[in-house]
Amino acid sequence: MQFLPLQVFSNYVDAHIAMGRLSEEGIDCWLKDENMVTLDPLLTNAIGGIKLMVATDQFETAQTLLIAMESERRKRFTCPQCSSSYIQMVTTPRKLSNWLGTLVGFLLMVFPLAANKVWHCFNCNAEFKQPLEKEEA
């Protein structure tokens, strides 16, 4: 059976959630490079992340399911300022600690281990610590 990479993840939690949802739907899938990324997270970019591998004949079905899952997740969280669902967690360049970590990492030739992440709304460009979660009807 042939497998193709469907999506790439930077952490094993998100990868396992996606794999579990696809497995529930009867899709043959597995995670490639999960152990290496889990053991040494600094290798994530070098390895290319954790790859969700899906059987070739089920690729389109799996892709449709993942798009639906992402859409469902986005609808649950909104921007506190404009109520848009077009939000994502990003590393912010506006925090002084991120710039200092980059400078120290460059000078000492080490990787900064922590970066400040915030939620960013691509609709109104607001940055916030926590999005609003919609209550289920």
C-alpha atoms as a PDB file:
ATOM      1  CA  MET A   1       0.000   0.000   0.000  1.00  0.00           C
ATOM      2  CA  GLN A   2       1.316   3.435  -0.959  1.00  0.00           C
ATOM      3  CA  PHE A   3       1.137   6.406   1.434  1.00  0.00           C
ATOM      4  CA  LEU A   4       1.348  10.152   0.773  1.00  0.00           C
ATOM      5  CA  PRO A   5       2.017  12.984   3.252  1.00  0.00           C
ATOM      6  CA  LEU A   6      -1.231  14.855   3.870  1.00  0.00           C
ATOM      7  CA  GLN A   7      -0.216  17.430   6.473  1.00  0.00           C
ATOM      8  CA  VAL A   8       2.848  18.402   8.510  1.00  0.00           C
ATOM      9  CA  PHE A   9       2.736  19.179  12.238  1.00  0.00           C
ATOM     10  CA  SER A  10       5.289  20.744  14.573  1.00  0.00           C
ATOM     11  CA  ASN A  11       4.064  18.901  17.687  1.00  0.00           C
ATOM     12  CA  TYR A  12       2.782  15.427  18.368  1.00  0.00           C
ATOM     13  CA  VAL A  13      -0.416  16.493  20.146  1.00  0.00           C
ATOM     14  CA  ASP A  14      -1.965  18.105  17.070  1.00  0.00           C
ATOM     15  CA  ALA A  15      -0.675  15.259  14.901  1.00  0.00           C
ATOM     16  CA  HIS A  16      -2.298  12.607  17.103  1.00  0.00           C
ATOM     17  CA  ILE A  17      -5.604  14.481  17.217  1.00  0.00           C
ATOM     18  CA  ALA A  18      -5.726  14.635  13.412  1.00  0.00           C
ATOM     19  CA  MET A  19      -4.632  11.007  13.047  1.00  0.00           C
ATOM     20  CA  GLY A  20      -7.230   9.872  15.592  1.00  0.00           C
ATOM     21  CA  ARG A  21     -10.040  11.703  13.817  1.00  0.00           C
ATOM     22  CA  LEU A  22      -9.034  10.179  10.478  1.00  0.00           C
ATOM     23  CA  SER A  23      -8.720   6.702  11.999  1.00  0.00           C
ATOM     24  CA  GLU A  24     -12.237   7.021  13.418  1.00  0.00           C
ATOM     25  CA  GLU A  25     -13.466   7.527   9.863  1.00  0.00           C
ATOM     26  CA  GLY A  26     -11.689   4.370   8.680  1.00  0.00           C
ATOM     27  CA  ILE A  27      -8.774   6.122   6.952  1.00  0.00           C
ATOM     28  CA  ASP A  28      -5.466   4.209   6.928  1.00  0.00           C
ATOM     29  CA  CYS A  29      -2.872   6.638   8.297  1.00  0.00           C
ATOM     30  CA  TRP A  30       0.272   6.857  10.422  1.00  0.00           C
ATOM     31  CA  LEU A  31       2.780   9.452  11.622  1.00  0.00           C
ATOM     32  CA  LYS A  32       6.227   9.681  10.063  1.00  0.00           C
ATOM     33  CA  ASP A  33       9.165  11.196  12.021  1.00  0.00           C
ATOM     34  CA  GLU A  34       7.064  11.499  15.184  1.00  0.00           C
ATOM     35  CA  ASN A  35       9.707   9.970  17.438  1.00  0.00           C
ATOM     36  CA  MET A  36      12.556  12.183  16.212  1.00  0.00           C
ATOM     37  CA  VAL A  37      10.578  15.414  16.617  1.00  0.00           C
ATOM     38  CA  THR A  38       9.277  14.329  20.026  1.00  0.00           C
ATOM     39  CA  LEU A  39      12.750  13.425  21.304  1.00  0.00           C
ATOM     40  CA  ASP A  40      14.460  16.546  19.966  1.00  0.00           C
ATOM     41  CA  PRO A  41      12.096  19.415  19.081  1.00  0.00           C
ATOM     42  CA  LEU A  42      15.001  21.486  17.730  1.00  0.00           C
ATOM     43  CA  LEU A  43      15.156  19.074  14.794  1.00  0.00           C
ATOM     44  CA  THR A  44      11.577  19.848  13.732  1.00  0.00           C
ATOM     45  CA  ASN A  45      12.562  22.173  10.884  1.00  0.00           C
ATOM     46  CA  ALA A  46      15.508  20.022   9.775  1.00  0.00           C
ATOM     47  CA  ILE A  47      13.366  16.889   9.560  1.00  0.00           C
ATOM     48  CA  GLY A  48      10.390  18.696   8.120  1.00  0.00           C
ATOM     49  CA  GLY A  49       8.037  18.115  11.057  1.00  0.00           C
ATOM     50  CA  ILE A  50       5.739  15.212  11.838  1.00  0.00           C
ATOM     51  CA  LYS A  51       4.121  14.044   8.628  1.00  0.00           C
ATOM     52  CA  LEU A  52       0.620  12.582   8.610  1.00  0.00           C
ATOM     53  CA  MET A  53       0.836   9.811   6.023  1.00  0.00           C
ATOM     54  CA  VAL A  54      -2.404   8.665   4.361  1.00  0.00           C
ATOM     55  CA  ALA A  55      -3.144   5.789   1.991  1.00  0.00           C
ATOM     56  CA  THR A  56      -3.107   7.019  -1.615  1.00  0.00           C
ATOM     57  CA  ASP A  57      -6.616   5.782  -2.414  1.00  0.00           C
ATOM     58  CA  GLN A  58      -8.044   7.600   0.642  1.00  0.00           C
ATOM     59  CA  PHE A  59      -6.084  10.833   0.218  1.00  0.00           C
ATOM     60  CA  GLU A  60      -8.923  13.030  -1.106  1.00  0.00           C
ATOM     61  CA  THR A  61     -11.373  11.826   1.548  1.00  0.00           C
ATOM     62  CA  ALA A  62      -8.817  12.482   4.297  1.00  0.00           C
ATOM     63  CA  GLN A  63      -8.049  15.926   2.891  1.00  0.00           C
ATOM     64  CA  THR A  64     -11.747  16.841   2.909  1.00  0.00           C
ATOM     65  CA  LEU A  65     -12.088  15.632   6.509  1.00  0.00           C
ATOM     66  CA  LEU A  66      -9.074  17.660   7.696  1.00  0.00           C
ATOM     67  CA  ILE A  67     -10.383  20.808   6.002  1.00  0.00           C
ATOM     68  CA  ALA A  68     -13.742  20.291   7.718  1.00  0.00           C
ATOM     69  CA  MET A  69     -12.006  19.756  11.097  1.00  0.00           C
ATOM     70  CA  GLU A  70     -10.000  22.973  10.709  1.00  0.00           C
ATOM     71  CA  SER A  71     -13.104  24.910   9.690  1.00  0.00           C
ATOM     72  CA  GLU A  72     -14.983  23.548  12.707  1.00  0.00           C
ATOM     73  CA  ARG A  73     -12.144  24.525  15.047  1.00  0.00           C
ATOM     74  CA  ARG A  74     -11.892  28.035  13.611  1.00  0.00           C
ATOM     75  CA  LYS A  75     -15.614  28.641  14.097  1.00  0.00           C
ATOM     76  CA  ARG A  76     -15.327  27.918  17.845  1.00  0.00           C
ATOM     77  CA  PHE A  77     -12.864  30.734  18.575  1.00  0.00           C
ATOM     78  CA  THR A  78     -13.231  34.422  17.711  1.00  0.00           C
ATOM     79  CA  CYS A  79     -11.358  37.698  18.043  1.00  0.00           C
ATOM     80  CA  PRO A  80     -12.436  39.655  21.146  1.00  0.00           C
ATOM     81  CA  GLN A  81     -12.403  42.925  19.174  1.00  0.00           C
ATOM     82  CA  CYS A  82     -14.124  42.166  15.859  1.00  0.00           C
ATOM     83  CA  SER A  83     -15.586  38.641  16.451  1.00  0.00           C
ATOM     84  CA  SER A  84     -13.814  37.282  13.374  1.00  0.00           C
ATOM     85  CA  SER A  85     -12.880  33.602  13.236  1.00  0.00           C
ATOM     86  CA  TYR A  86      -9.876  34.354  11.026  1.00  0.00           C
ATOM     87  CA  ILE A  87      -7.366  34.054  13.902  1.00  0.00           C
ATOM     88  CA  GLN A  88      -4.210  32.072  14.545  1.00  0.00           C
ATOM     89  CA  MET A  89      -1.520  31.775  17.206  1.00  0.00           C
ATOM     90  CA  VAL A  90       1.708  33.404  16.010  1.00  0.00           C
ATOM     91  CA  THR A  91       5.101  34.459  17.357  1.00  0.00           C
ATOM     92  CA  THR A  92       4.985  38.206  17.768  1.00  0.00           C
ATOM     93  CA  PRO A  93       7.837  40.474  16.679  1.00  0.00           C
ATOM     94  CA  ARG A  94       6.497  43.203  18.977  1.00  0.00           C
ATOM     95  CA  LYS A  95       7.746  41.648  22.215  1.00  0.00           C
ATOM     96  CA  LEU A  96      11.159  42.811  23.418  1.00  0.00           C
ATOM     97  CA  SER A  97      11.954  39.363  24.830  1.00  0.00           C
ATOM     98  CA  ASN A  98      11.709  37.806  21.337  1.00  0.00           C
ATOM     99  CA  TRP A  99      14.218  40.312  19.959  1.00  0.00           C
ATOM    100  CA  LEU A 100      16.564  39.806  22.908  1.00  0.00           C
ATOM    101  CA  GLY A 101      16.328  36.025  22.567  1.00  0.00           C
ATOM    102  CA  THR A 102      17.154  36.271  18.862  1.00  0.00           C
ATOM    103  CA  LEU A 103      20.113  38.577  19.527  1.00  0.00           C
ATOM    104  CA  VAL A 104      21.535  36.384  22.298  1.00  0.00           C
ATOM    105  CA  GLY A 105      20.986  33.274  20.175  1.00  0.00           C
ATOM    106  CA  PHE A 106      22.812  34.876  17.253  1.00  0.00           C
ATOM    107  CA  LEU A 107      25.736  36.042  19.385  1.00  0.00           C
ATOM    108  CA  LEU A 108      26.139  32.777  21.301  1.00  0.00           C
ATOM    109  CA  MET A 109      25.225  30.602  18.296  1.00  0.00           C
ATOM    110  CA  VAL A 110      22.463  28.811  20.189  1.00  0.00           C
ATOM    111  CA  PHE A 111      18.765  28.556  19.503  1.00  0.00           C
ATOM    112  CA  PRO A 112      16.334  30.537  21.635  1.00  0.00           C
ATOM    113  CA  LEU A 113      14.109  27.981  23.331  1.00  0.00           C
ATOM    114  CA  ALA A 114      11.136  30.162  24.178  1.00  0.00           C
ATOM    115  CA  ALA A 115       9.252  32.660  22.079  1.00  0.00           C
ATOM    116  CA  ASN A 116       6.245  34.677  23.100  1.00  0.00           C
ATOM    117  CA  LYS A 117       3.192  33.596  21.165  1.00  0.00           C
ATOM    118  CA  VAL A 118      -0.021  35.535  20.873  1.00  0.00           C
ATOM    119  CA  TRP A 119      -3.262  35.151  18.981  1.00  0.00           C
ATOM    120  CA  HIS A 120      -3.443  37.363  15.892  1.00  0.00           C
ATOM    121  CA  CYS A 121      -6.612  38.400  14.076  1.00  0.00           C
ATOM    122  CA  PHE A 122      -6.025  38.712  10.340  1.00  0.00           C
ATOM    123  CA  ASN A 123      -9.259  40.660   9.964  1.00  0.00           C
ATOM    124  CA  CYS A 124      -8.542  43.632  12.296  1.00  0.00           C
ATOM    125  CA  ASN A 125      -4.808  42.954  13.017  1.00  0.00           C
ATOM    126  CA  ALA A 126      -5.417  42.818  16.773  1.00  0.00           C
ATOM    127  CA  GLU A 127      -3.155  40.731  19.007  1.00  0.00           C
ATOM    128  CA  PHE A 128      -4.492  39.168  22.186  1.00  0.00           C
ATOM    129  CA  LYS A 129      -3.598  36.499  24.737  1.00  0.00           C
ATOM    130  CA  GLN A 130      -6.783  34.446  24.592  1.00  0.00           C
ATOM    131  CA  PRO A 131      -9.574  34.269  21.990  1.00  0.00           C
ATOM    132  CA  LEU A 132     -13.234  34.192  22.872  1.00  0.00           C
ATOM    133  CA  GLU A 133     -14.787  30.744  22.754  1.00  0.00           C
ATOM    134  CA  LYS A 134     -18.299  30.472  21.423  1.00  0.00           C
ATOM    135  CA  GLU A 135     -20.754  28.503  23.480  1.00  0.00           C
ATOM    136  CA  GLU A 136     -22.257  25.527  21.703  1.00  0.00           C
ATOM    137  CA  ALA A 137     -25.936  25.852  20.908  1.00  0.00           C
END
